[in-house]
């Protein structure tokens, strides 16, 4: 019977952790990170849900003769923004779990 009490306590802790994680996910969805490429000519903002919120291009970077460069800069800035977003989520989850890596959470 003592093990059943421990199991109940563990379930309560798991439920508390789940609630905290849901709240954190909501908070992270409202936080953003920014990345840039081309000396700041291309800027991409992503949120904590790994969604792109905005892409800003400076007029000077738009060259109809060099679309390939523009595409490369947008891709680089987007990937950097998504990486920063993932790092932000991992950092916040690490605070919540005390650094304990729980598969599927980050």
PDB file of N, CA and C in Angstrom:
ATOM      1  N   UNK A   1       0.813  -1.205   0.000  1.00  0.00           N
ATOM      2  CA  UNK A   1       0.000   0.000   0.000  1.00  0.00           C
ATOM      3  C   UNK A   1       0.854   1.266   0.000  1.00  0.00           C
ATOM      4  N   UNK A   2       2.050   1.171   0.589  1.00  0.00           N
ATOM      5  CA  UNK A   2       2.908   2.340   0.623  1.00  0.00           C
ATOM      6  C   UNK A   2       3.287   2.773  -0.796  1.00  0.00           C
ATOM      7  N   UNK A   3       3.509   1.821  -1.668  1.00  0.00           N
ATOM      8  CA  UNK A   3       3.846   2.149  -3.057  1.00  0.00           C
ATOM      9  C   UNK A   3       2.706   2.878  -3.746  1.00  0.00           C
ATOM     10  N   UNK A   4       1.474   2.579  -3.415  1.00  0.00           N
ATOM     11  CA  UNK A   4       0.328   3.249  -4.024  1.00  0.00           C
ATOM     12  C   UNK A   4       0.316   4.737  -3.642  1.00  0.00           C
ATOM     13  N   UNK A   5       0.693   5.034  -2.409  1.00  0.00           N
ATOM     14  CA  UNK A   5       0.778   6.425  -1.966  1.00  0.00           C
ATOM     15  C   UNK A   5       1.838   7.178  -2.747  1.00  0.00           C
ATOM     16  N   UNK A   6       2.983   6.521  -2.965  1.00  0.00           N
ATOM     17  CA  UNK A   6       4.051   7.132  -3.759  1.00  0.00           C
ATOM     18  C   UNK A   6       3.598   7.362  -5.195  1.00  0.00           C
ATOM     19  N   UNK A   7       2.853   6.401  -5.716  1.00  0.00           N
ATOM     20  CA  UNK A   7       2.360   6.528  -7.092  1.00  0.00           C
ATOM     21  C   UNK A   7       1.398   7.708  -7.199  1.00  0.00           C
ATOM     22  N   UNK A   8       0.527   7.863  -6.218  1.00  0.00           N
ATOM     23  CA  UNK A   8      -0.409   8.984  -6.216  1.00  0.00           C
ATOM     24  C   UNK A   8       0.325  10.308  -6.151  1.00  0.00           C
ATOM     25  N   UNK A   9       1.366  10.369  -5.345  1.00  0.00           N
ATOM     26  CA  UNK A   9       2.179  11.579  -5.234  1.00  0.00           C
ATOM     27  C   UNK A   9       2.891  11.891  -6.533  1.00  0.00           C
ATOM     28  N   UNK A  10       3.383  10.854  -7.183  1.00  0.00           N
ATOM     29  CA  UNK A  10       4.060  11.046  -8.466  1.00  0.00           C
ATOM     30  C   UNK A  10       3.077  11.544  -9.522  1.00  0.00           C
ATOM     31  N   UNK A  11       1.854  11.033  -9.489  1.00  0.00           N
ATOM     32  CA  UNK A  11       0.839  11.460 -10.456  1.00  0.00           C
ATOM     33  C   UNK A  11       0.498  12.935 -10.247  1.00  0.00           C
ATOM     34  N   UNK A  12       0.394  13.346  -8.970  1.00  0.00           N
ATOM     35  CA  UNK A  12       0.110  14.754  -8.690  1.00  0.00           C
ATOM     36  C   UNK A  12       1.245  15.640  -9.179  1.00  0.00           C
ATOM     37  N   UNK A  13       2.478  15.193  -8.959  1.00  0.00           N
ATOM     38  CA  UNK A  13       3.631  15.965  -9.429  1.00  0.00           C
ATOM     39  C   UNK A  13       3.627  16.051 -10.949  1.00  0.00           C
ATOM     40  N   UNK A  14       3.292  14.939 -11.606  1.00  0.00           N
ATOM     41  CA  UNK A  14       3.247  14.936 -13.067  1.00  0.00           C
ATOM     42  C   UNK A  14       2.169  15.893 -13.576  1.00  0.00           C
ATOM     43  N   UNK A  15       1.023  15.936 -12.910  1.00  0.00           N
ATOM     44  CA  UNK A  15      -0.047  16.838 -13.307  1.00  0.00           C
ATOM     45  C   UNK A  15       0.366  18.297 -13.118  1.00  0.00           C
ATOM     46  N   UNK A  16       1.064  18.577 -12.002  1.00  0.00           N
ATOM     47  CA  UNK A  16       1.547  19.946 -11.763  1.00  0.00           C
ATOM     48  C   UNK A  16       2.545  20.343 -12.851  1.00  0.00           C
ATOM     49  N   UNK A  17       3.445  19.417 -13.172  1.00  0.00           N
ATOM     50  CA  UNK A  17       4.441  19.691 -14.202  1.00  0.00           C
ATOM     51  C   UNK A  17       3.759  19.928 -15.543  1.00  0.00           C
ATOM     52  N   UNK A  18       2.746  19.132 -15.839  1.00  0.00           N
ATOM     53  CA  UNK A  18       2.022  19.295 -17.097  1.00  0.00           C
ATOM     54  C   UNK A  18       1.354  20.671 -17.170  1.00  0.00           C
ATOM     55  N   UNK A  19       0.735  21.112 -16.083  1.00  0.00           N
ATOM     56  CA  UNK A  19       0.106  22.434 -16.058  1.00  0.00           C
ATOM     57  C   UNK A  19       1.138  23.533 -16.256  1.00  0.00           C
ATOM     58  N   UNK A  20       2.285  23.398 -15.588  1.00  0.00           N
ATOM     59  CA  UNK A  20       3.344  24.395 -15.735  1.00  0.00           C
ATOM     60  C   UNK A  20       3.854  24.422 -17.178  1.00  0.00           C
ATOM     61  N   UNK A  21       3.967  23.240 -17.778  1.00  0.00           N
ATOM     62  CA  UNK A  21       4.452  23.178 -19.156  1.00  0.00           C
ATOM     63  C   UNK A  21       3.461  23.824 -20.119  1.00  0.00           C
ATOM     64  N   UNK A  22       2.185  23.604 -19.921  1.00  0.00           N
ATOM     65  CA  UNK A  22       1.174  24.222 -20.785  1.00  0.00           C
ATOM     66  C   UNK A  22       1.218  25.743 -20.664  1.00  0.00           C
ATOM     67  N   UNK A  23       1.355  26.225 -19.428  1.00  0.00           N
ATOM     68  CA  UNK A  23       1.448  27.662 -19.211  1.00  0.00           C
ATOM     69  C   UNK A  23       2.710  28.218 -19.882  1.00  0.00           C
ATOM     70  N   UNK A  24       3.814  27.486 -19.754  1.00  0.00           N
ATOM     71  CA  UNK A  24       5.060  27.928 -20.352  1.00  0.00           C
ATOM     72  C   UNK A  24       4.944  27.954 -21.875  1.00  0.00           C
ATOM     73  N   UNK A  25       4.296  26.965 -22.448  1.00  0.00           N
ATOM     74  CA  UNK A  25       4.117  26.942 -23.899  1.00  0.00           C
ATOM     75  C   UNK A  25       3.319  28.158 -24.368  1.00  0.00           C
ATOM     76  N   UNK A  26       2.300  28.520 -23.610  1.00  0.00           N
ATOM     77  CA  UNK A  26       1.514  29.710 -23.951  1.00  0.00           C
ATOM     78  C   UNK A  26       2.384  30.961 -23.875  1.00  0.00           C
ATOM     79  N   UNK A  27       3.200  31.047 -22.815  1.00  0.00           N
ATOM     80  CA  UNK A  27       4.076  32.205 -22.653  1.00  0.00           C
ATOM     81  C   UNK A  27       5.118  32.254 -23.761  1.00  0.00           C
ATOM     82  N   UNK A  28       5.690  31.095 -24.109  1.00  0.00           N
ATOM     83  CA  UNK A  28       6.706  31.056 -25.156  1.00  0.00           C
ATOM     84  C   UNK A  28       6.129  31.437 -26.514  1.00  0.00           C
ATOM     85  N   UNK A  29       4.872  31.124 -26.740  1.00  0.00           N
ATOM     86  CA  UNK A  29       4.241  31.472 -28.018  1.00  0.00           C
ATOM     87  C   UNK A  29       4.180  32.982 -28.200  1.00  0.00           C
ATOM     88  N   UNK A  30       4.200  33.725 -27.089  1.00  0.00           N
ATOM     89  CA  UNK A  30       4.145  35.182 -27.184  1.00  0.00           C
ATOM     90  C   UNK A  30       5.530  35.820 -27.194  1.00  0.00           C
ATOM     91  N   UNK A  31       6.566  35.038 -26.913  1.00  0.00           N
ATOM     92  CA  UNK A  31       7.934  35.562 -26.947  1.00  0.00           C
ATOM     93  C   UNK A  31       8.496  35.402 -28.353  1.00  0.00           C
ATOM     94  N   UNK A  32       9.350  36.335 -28.738  1.00  0.00           N
ATOM     95  CA  UNK A  32       9.931  36.271 -30.072  1.00  0.00           C
ATOM     96  C   UNK A  32      11.449  36.386 -30.021  1.00  0.00           C
ATOM     97  N   UNK A  33      12.063  35.908 -31.083  1.00  0.00           N
ATOM     98  CA  UNK A  33      13.494  36.068 -31.302  1.00  0.00           C
ATOM     99  C   UNK A  33      13.666  36.621 -32.708  1.00  0.00           C
ATOM    100  N   UNK A  34      14.764  37.328 -32.921  1.00  0.00           N
ATOM    101  CA  UNK A  34      15.028  37.908 -34.235  1.00  0.00           C
ATOM    102  C   UNK A  34      16.383  37.452 -34.734  1.00  0.00           C
ATOM    103  N   UNK A  35      16.451  37.192 -36.018  1.00  0.00           N
ATOM    104  CA  UNK A  35      17.715  36.856 -36.662  1.00  0.00           C
ATOM    105  C   UNK A  35      17.830  37.695 -37.925  1.00  0.00           C
ATOM    106  N   UNK A  36      19.063  37.909 -38.359  1.00  0.00           N
ATOM    107  CA  UNK A  36      19.251  38.697 -39.569  1.00  0.00           C
ATOM    108  C   UNK A  36      20.363  38.095 -40.411  1.00  0.00           C
ATOM    109  N   UNK A  37      20.390  38.514 -41.660  1.00  0.00           N
ATOM    110  CA  UNK A  37      21.435  38.094 -42.596  1.00  0.00           C
ATOM    111  C   UNK A  37      21.721  39.284 -43.504  1.00  0.00           C
ATOM    112  N   UNK A  38      22.848  39.206 -44.177  1.00  0.00           N
ATOM    113  CA  UNK A  38      23.204  40.280 -45.098  1.00  0.00           C
ATOM    114  C   UNK A  38      23.445  41.592 -44.396  1.00  0.00           C
ATOM    115  N   UNK A  39      24.058  41.545 -43.232  1.00  0.00           N
ATOM    116  CA  UNK A  39      24.345  42.774 -42.496  1.00  0.00           C
ATOM    117  C   UNK A  39      23.098  43.483 -42.025  1.00  0.00           C
ATOM    118  N   UNK A  40      22.053  42.698 -41.722  1.00  0.00           N
ATOM    119  CA  UNK A  40      20.808  43.270 -41.227  1.00  0.00           C
ATOM    120  C   UNK A  40      19.835  43.662 -42.330  1.00  0.00           C
ATOM    121  N   UNK A  41      20.173  43.332 -43.570  1.00  0.00           N
ATOM    122  CA  UNK A  41      19.290  43.680 -44.687  1.00  0.00           C
ATOM    123  C   UNK A  41      18.057  42.783 -44.745  1.00  0.00           C
ATOM    124  N   UNK A  42      18.184  41.587 -44.178  1.00  0.00           N
ATOM    125  CA  UNK A  42      17.062  40.650 -44.091  1.00  0.00           C
ATOM    126  C   UNK A  42      16.885  40.311 -42.623  1.00  0.00           C
ATOM    127  N   UNK A  43      15.684  40.541 -42.086  1.00  0.00           N
ATOM    128  CA  UNK A  43      15.398  40.243 -40.684  1.00  0.00           C
ATOM    129  C   UNK A  43      14.191  39.317 -40.611  1.00  0.00           C
ATOM    130  N   UNK A  44      14.307  38.304 -39.750  1.00  0.00           N
ATOM    131  CA  UNK A  44      13.217  37.345 -39.566  1.00  0.00           C
ATOM    132  C   UNK A  44      12.929  37.240 -38.077  1.00  0.00           C
ATOM    133  N   UNK A  45      11.646  37.289 -37.729  1.00  0.00           N
ATOM    134  CA  UNK A  45      11.212  37.152 -36.349  1.00  0.00           C
ATOM    135  C   UNK A  45      10.409  35.859 -36.240  1.00  0.00           C
ATOM    136  N   UNK A  46      10.768  35.042 -35.234  1.00  0.00           N
ATOM    137  CA  UNK A  46      10.052  33.791 -34.962  1.00  0.00           C
ATOM    138  C   UNK A  46       9.585  33.809 -33.519  1.00  0.00           C
ATOM    139  N   UNK A  47       8.521  33.052 -33.235  1.00  0.00           N
ATOM    140  CA  UNK A  47       8.047  32.970 -31.855  1.00  0.00           C
ATOM    141  C   UNK A  47       8.456  31.642 -31.234  1.00  0.00           C
ATOM    142  N   UNK A  48       8.066  31.453 -29.985  1.00  0.00           N
ATOM    143  CA  UNK A  48       8.419  30.248 -29.251  1.00  0.00           C
ATOM    144  C   UNK A  48       7.687  29.005 -29.709  1.00  0.00           C
ATOM    145  N   UNK A  49       6.788  29.155 -30.658  1.00  0.00           N
ATOM    146  CA  UNK A  49       6.106  28.006 -31.254  1.00  0.00           C
ATOM    147  C   UNK A  49       6.764  27.622 -32.571  1.00  0.00           C
ATOM    148  N   UNK A  50       7.938  28.176 -32.835  1.00  0.00           N
ATOM    149  CA  UNK A  50       8.682  27.973 -34.070  1.00  0.00           C
ATOM    150  C   UNK A  50       7.876  28.382 -35.297  1.00  0.00           C
ATOM    151  N   UNK A  51       7.121  29.463 -35.165  1.00  0.00           N
ATOM    152  CA  UNK A  51       6.394  30.037 -36.291  1.00  0.00           C
ATOM    153  C   UNK A  51       7.042  31.363 -36.660  1.00  0.00           C
ATOM    154  N   UNK A  52       7.154  31.594 -37.958  1.00  0.00           N
ATOM    155  CA  UNK A  52       7.714  32.852 -38.444  1.00  0.00           C
ATOM    156  C   UNK A  52       6.638  33.923 -38.308  1.00  0.00           C
ATOM    157  N   UNK A  53       6.970  34.999 -37.615  1.00  0.00           N
ATOM    158  CA  UNK A  53       6.016  36.086 -37.386  1.00  0.00           C
ATOM    159  C   UNK A  53       6.175  37.200 -38.414  1.00  0.00           C
ATOM    160  N   UNK A  54       7.404  37.449 -38.859  1.00  0.00           N
ATOM    161  CA  UNK A  54       7.606  38.498 -39.858  1.00  0.00           C
ATOM    162  C   UNK A  54       8.937  38.323 -40.567  1.00  0.00           C
ATOM    163  N   UNK A  55       8.978  38.834 -41.773  1.00  0.00           N
ATOM    164  CA  UNK A  55      10.206  38.923 -42.563  1.00  0.00           C
ATOM    165  C   UNK A  55      10.265  40.351 -43.089  1.00  0.00           C
ATOM    166  N   UNK A  56      11.395  41.022 -42.826  1.00  0.00           N
ATOM    167  CA  UNK A  56      11.576  42.401 -43.268  1.00  0.00           C
ATOM    168  C   UNK A  56      12.785  42.443 -44.191  1.00  0.00           C
ATOM    169  N   UNK A  57      12.583  43.015 -45.369  1.00  0.00           N
ATOM    170  CA  UNK A  57      13.657  43.173 -46.348  1.00  0.00           C
ATOM    171  C   UNK A  57      13.917  44.658 -46.558  1.00  0.00           C
ATOM    172  N   UNK A  58      15.172  45.049 -46.481  1.00  0.00           N
ATOM    173  CA  UNK A  58      15.531  46.430 -46.816  1.00  0.00           C
ATOM    174  C   UNK A  58      15.503  46.556 -48.338  1.00  0.00           C
ATOM    175  N   UNK A  59      15.066  47.678 -48.831  1.00  0.00           N
ATOM    176  CA  UNK A  59      14.921  47.883 -50.274  1.00  0.00           C
ATOM    177  C   UNK A  59      16.214  47.608 -51.035  1.00  0.00           C
ATOM    178  N   UNK A  60      17.336  47.986 -50.430  1.00  0.00           N
ATOM    179  CA  UNK A  60      18.625  47.855 -51.108  1.00  0.00           C
ATOM    180  C   UNK A  60      18.993  46.407 -51.431  1.00  0.00           C
ATOM    181  N   UNK A  61      18.432  45.459 -50.692  1.00  0.00           N
ATOM    182  CA  UNK A  61      18.786  44.047 -50.892  1.00  0.00           C
ATOM    183  C   UNK A  61      18.014  43.424 -52.047  1.00  0.00           C
ATOM    184  N   UNK A  62      16.962  44.083 -52.492  1.00  0.00           N
ATOM    185  CA  UNK A  62      16.136  43.534 -53.569  1.00  0.00           C
ATOM    186  C   UNK A  62      16.752  43.917 -54.911  1.00  0.00           C
ATOM    187  N   UNK A  63      17.398  42.943 -55.522  1.00  0.00           N
ATOM    188  CA  UNK A  63      18.048  43.137 -56.818  1.00  0.00           C
ATOM    189  C   UNK A  63      17.465  42.119 -57.787  1.00  0.00           C
ATOM    190  N   UNK A  64      16.669  42.553 -58.746  1.00  0.00           N
ATOM    191  CA  UNK A  64      16.054  41.617 -59.693  1.00  0.00           C
ATOM    192  C   UNK A  64      17.079  40.781 -60.454  1.00  0.00           C
ATOM    193  N   UNK A  65      18.301  41.257 -60.510  1.00  0.00           N
ATOM    194  CA  UNK A  65      19.357  40.521 -61.213  1.00  0.00           C
ATOM    195  C   UNK A  65      20.003  39.458 -60.332  1.00  0.00           C
ATOM    196  N   UNK A  66      19.708  39.471 -59.033  1.00  0.00           N
ATOM    197  CA  UNK A  66      20.343  38.512 -58.117  1.00  0.00           C
ATOM    198  C   UNK A  66      19.331  37.965 -57.112  1.00  0.00           C
ATOM    199  N   UNK A  67      18.294  37.362 -57.609  1.00  0.00           N
ATOM    200  CA  UNK A  67      17.257  36.758 -56.764  1.00  0.00           C
ATOM    201  C   UNK A  67      17.836  35.613 -55.929  1.00  0.00           C
ATOM    202  N   UNK A  68      18.793  34.886 -56.481  1.00  0.00           N
ATOM    203  CA  UNK A  68      19.389  33.759 -55.751  1.00  0.00           C
ATOM    204  C   UNK A  68      20.001  34.211 -54.425  1.00  0.00           C
ATOM    205  N   UNK A  69      20.707  35.353 -54.439  1.00  0.00           N
ATOM    206  CA  UNK A  69      21.309  35.863 -53.202  1.00  0.00           C
ATOM    207  C   UNK A  69      20.217  36.207 -52.189  1.00  0.00           C
ATOM    208  N   UNK A  70      19.165  36.862 -52.637  1.00  0.00           N
ATOM    209  CA  UNK A  70      18.071  37.239 -51.742  1.00  0.00           C
ATOM    210  C   UNK A  70      17.435  35.995 -51.130  1.00  0.00           C
ATOM    211  N   UNK A  71      17.200  34.988 -51.946  1.00  0.00           N
ATOM    212  CA  UNK A  71      16.622  33.738 -51.429  1.00  0.00           C
ATOM    213  C   UNK A  71      17.539  33.102 -50.397  1.00  0.00           C
ATOM    214  N   UNK A  72      18.848  33.096 -50.667  1.00  0.00           N
ATOM    215  CA  UNK A  72      19.813  32.525 -49.718  1.00  0.00           C
ATOM    216  C   UNK A  72      19.805  33.288 -48.394  1.00  0.00           C
ATOM    217  N   UNK A  73      19.734  34.619 -48.465  1.00  0.00           N
ATOM    218  CA  UNK A  73      19.719  35.433 -47.242  1.00  0.00           C
ATOM    219  C   UNK A  73      18.436  35.195 -46.438  1.00  0.00           C
ATOM    220  N   UNK A  74      17.310  35.094 -47.125  1.00  0.00           N
ATOM    221  CA  UNK A  74      16.047  34.824 -46.427  1.00  0.00           C
ATOM    222  C   UNK A  74      16.101  33.448 -45.770  1.00  0.00           C
ATOM    223  N   UNK A  75      16.611  32.478 -46.483  1.00  0.00           N
ATOM    224  CA  UNK A  75      16.727  31.125 -45.930  1.00  0.00           C
ATOM    225  C   UNK A  75      17.650  31.108 -44.714  1.00  0.00           C
ATOM    226  N   UNK A  76      18.788  31.786 -44.810  1.00  0.00           N
ATOM    227  CA  UNK A  76      19.740  31.816 -43.690  1.00  0.00           C
ATOM    228  C   UNK A  76      19.126  32.490 -42.467  1.00  0.00           C
ATOM    229  N   UNK A  77      18.482  33.621 -42.671  1.00  0.00           N
ATOM    230  CA  UNK A  77      17.881  34.336 -41.539  1.00  0.00           C
ATOM    231  C   UNK A  77      16.736  33.533 -40.939  1.00  0.00           C
ATOM    232  N   UNK A  78      15.945  32.873 -41.775  1.00  0.00           N
ATOM    233  CA  UNK A  78      14.831  32.068 -41.277  1.00  0.00           C
ATOM    234  C   UNK A  78      15.328  30.892 -40.451  1.00  0.00           C
ATOM    235  N   UNK A  79      16.331  30.181 -40.966  1.00  0.00           N
ATOM    236  CA  UNK A  79      16.876  29.054 -40.209  1.00  0.00           C
ATOM    237  C   UNK A  79      17.493  29.511 -38.893  1.00  0.00           C
ATOM    238  N   UNK A  80      18.170  30.643 -38.906  1.00  0.00           N
ATOM    239  CA  UNK A  80      18.757  31.187 -37.681  1.00  0.00           C
ATOM    240  C   UNK A  80      17.671  31.557 -36.674  1.00  0.00           C
ATOM    241  N   UNK A  81      16.597  32.164 -37.148  1.00  0.00           N
ATOM    242  CA  UNK A  81      15.496  32.536 -36.248  1.00  0.00           C
ATOM    243  C   UNK A  81      14.857  31.296 -35.643  1.00  0.00           C
ATOM    244  N   UNK A  82      14.655  30.257 -36.448  1.00  0.00           N
ATOM    245  CA  UNK A  82      14.066  29.017 -35.921  1.00  0.00           C
ATOM    246  C   UNK A  82      15.004  28.341 -34.917  1.00  0.00           C
ATOM    247  N   UNK A  83      16.313  28.366 -35.195  1.00  0.00           N
ATOM    248  CA  UNK A  83      17.281  27.808 -34.236  1.00  0.00           C
ATOM    249  C   UNK A  83      17.255  28.580 -32.921  1.00  0.00           C
ATOM    250  N   UNK A  84      17.197  29.903 -33.001  1.00  0.00           N
ATOM    251  CA  UNK A  84      17.140  30.717 -31.786  1.00  0.00           C
ATOM    252  C   UNK A  84      15.852  30.443 -31.011  1.00  0.00           C
ATOM    253  N   UNK A  85      14.773  30.242 -31.737  1.00  0.00           N
ATOM    254  CA  UNK A  85      13.493  29.927 -31.096  1.00  0.00           C
ATOM    255  C   UNK A  85      13.580  28.594 -30.361  1.00  0.00           C
ATOM    256  N   UNK A  86      14.176  27.599 -31.008  1.00  0.00           N
ATOM    257  CA  UNK A  86      14.327  26.289 -30.370  1.00  0.00           C
ATOM    258  C   UNK A  86      15.226  26.372 -29.138  1.00  0.00           C
ATOM    259  N   UNK A  87      16.289  27.163 -29.226  1.00  0.00           N
ATOM    260  CA  UNK A  87      17.178  27.347 -28.077  1.00  0.00           C
ATOM    261  C   UNK A  87      16.437  28.010 -26.921  1.00  0.00           C
ATOM    262  N   UNK A  88      15.591  29.000 -27.241  1.00  0.00           N
ATOM    263  CA  UNK A  88      14.812  29.677 -26.211  1.00  0.00           C
ATOM    264  C   UNK A  88      13.881  28.684 -25.516  1.00  0.00           C
ATOM    265  N   UNK A  89      13.201  27.848 -26.297  1.00  0.00           N
ATOM    266  CA  UNK A  89      12.285  26.854 -25.734  1.00  0.00           C
ATOM    267  C   UNK A  89      13.065  25.857 -24.880  1.00  0.00           C
ATOM    268  N   UNK A  90      14.185  25.360 -25.377  1.00  0.00           N
ATOM    269  CA  UNK A  90      14.986  24.392 -24.617  1.00  0.00           C
ATOM    270  C   UNK A  90      15.472  24.987 -23.304  1.00  0.00           C
ATOM    271  N   UNK A  91      15.901  26.243 -23.356  1.00  0.00           N
ATOM    272  CA  UNK A  91      16.372  26.916 -22.149  1.00  0.00           C
ATOM    273  C   UNK A  91      15.255  27.034 -21.115  1.00  0.00           C
ATOM    274  N   UNK A  92      14.069  27.457 -21.553  1.00  0.00           N
ATOM    275  CA  UNK A  92      12.938  27.610 -20.635  1.00  0.00           C
ATOM    276  C   UNK A  92      12.480  26.260 -20.096  1.00  0.00           C
ATOM    277  N   UNK A  93      12.446  25.246 -20.941  1.00  0.00           N
ATOM    278  CA  UNK A  93      12.050  23.904 -20.490  1.00  0.00           C
ATOM    279  C   UNK A  93      13.068  23.365 -19.490  1.00  0.00           C
ATOM    280  N   UNK A  94      14.345  23.678 -19.736  1.00  0.00           N
ATOM    281  CA  UNK A  94      15.389  23.246 -18.809  1.00  0.00           C
ATOM    282  C   UNK A  94      15.200  23.843 -17.429  1.00  0.00           C
ATOM    283  N   UNK A  95      14.746  25.091 -17.386  1.00  0.00           N
ATOM    284  CA  UNK A  95      14.467  25.730 -16.094  1.00  0.00           C
ATOM    285  C   UNK A  95      13.320  25.012 -15.389  1.00  0.00           C
ATOM    286  N   UNK A  96      12.314  24.632 -16.171  1.00  0.00           N
ATOM    287  CA  UNK A  96      11.133  23.980 -15.602  1.00  0.00           C
ATOM    288  C   UNK A  96      11.443  22.580 -15.102  1.00  0.00           C
ATOM    289  N   UNK A  97      12.254  21.841 -15.861  1.00  0.00           N
ATOM    290  CA  UNK A  97      12.540  20.446 -15.509  1.00  0.00           C
ATOM    291  C   UNK A  97      13.824  20.301 -14.705  1.00  0.00           C
ATOM    292  N   UNK A  98      14.434  21.419 -14.361  1.00  0.00           N
ATOM    293  CA  UNK A  98      15.666  21.363 -13.576  1.00  0.00           C
ATOM    294  C   UNK A  98      16.827  20.778 -14.348  1.00  0.00           C
ATOM    295  N   UNK A  99      16.793  20.903 -15.670  1.00  0.00           N
ATOM    296  CA  UNK A  99      17.872  20.384 -16.495  1.00  0.00           C
ATOM    297  C   UNK A  99      17.711  18.923 -16.842  1.00  0.00           C
ATOM    298  N   UNK A 100      16.686  18.286 -16.296  1.00  0.00           N
ATOM    299  CA  UNK A 100      16.433  16.881 -16.573  1.00  0.00           C
ATOM    300  C   UNK A 100      15.793  16.772 -17.945  1.00  0.00           C
ATOM    301  N   UNK A 101      16.432  16.036 -18.843  1.00  0.00           N
ATOM    302  CA  UNK A 101      15.931  15.918 -20.213  1.00  0.00           C
ATOM    303  C   UNK A 101      14.810  14.901 -20.272  1.00  0.00           C
ATOM    304  N   UNK A 102      13.618  15.371 -20.588  1.00  0.00           N
ATOM    305  CA  UNK A 102      12.457  14.484 -20.724  1.00  0.00           C
ATOM    306  C   UNK A 102      12.174  14.361 -22.219  1.00  0.00           C
ATOM    307  N   UNK A 103      12.319  13.162 -22.777  1.00  0.00           N
ATOM    308  CA  UNK A 103      12.110  12.988 -24.221  1.00  0.00           C
ATOM    309  C   UNK A 103      10.754  13.511 -24.669  1.00  0.00           C
ATOM    310  N   UNK A 104      10.763  14.188 -25.806  1.00  0.00           N
ATOM    311  CA  UNK A 104       9.522  14.684 -26.386  1.00  0.00           C
ATOM    312  C   UNK A 104       9.097  16.055 -25.886  1.00  0.00           C
ATOM    313  N   UNK A 105       9.807  16.613 -24.924  1.00  0.00           N
ATOM    314  CA  UNK A 105       9.401  17.907 -24.365  1.00  0.00           C
ATOM    315  C   UNK A 105      10.163  19.064 -24.996  1.00  0.00           C
ATOM    316  N   UNK A 106      11.312  18.806 -25.560  1.00  0.00           N
ATOM    317  CA  UNK A 106      12.086  19.890 -26.157  1.00  0.00           C
ATOM    318  C   UNK A 106      12.359  19.613 -27.594  1.00  0.00           C
TER     319      UNK A 106
END
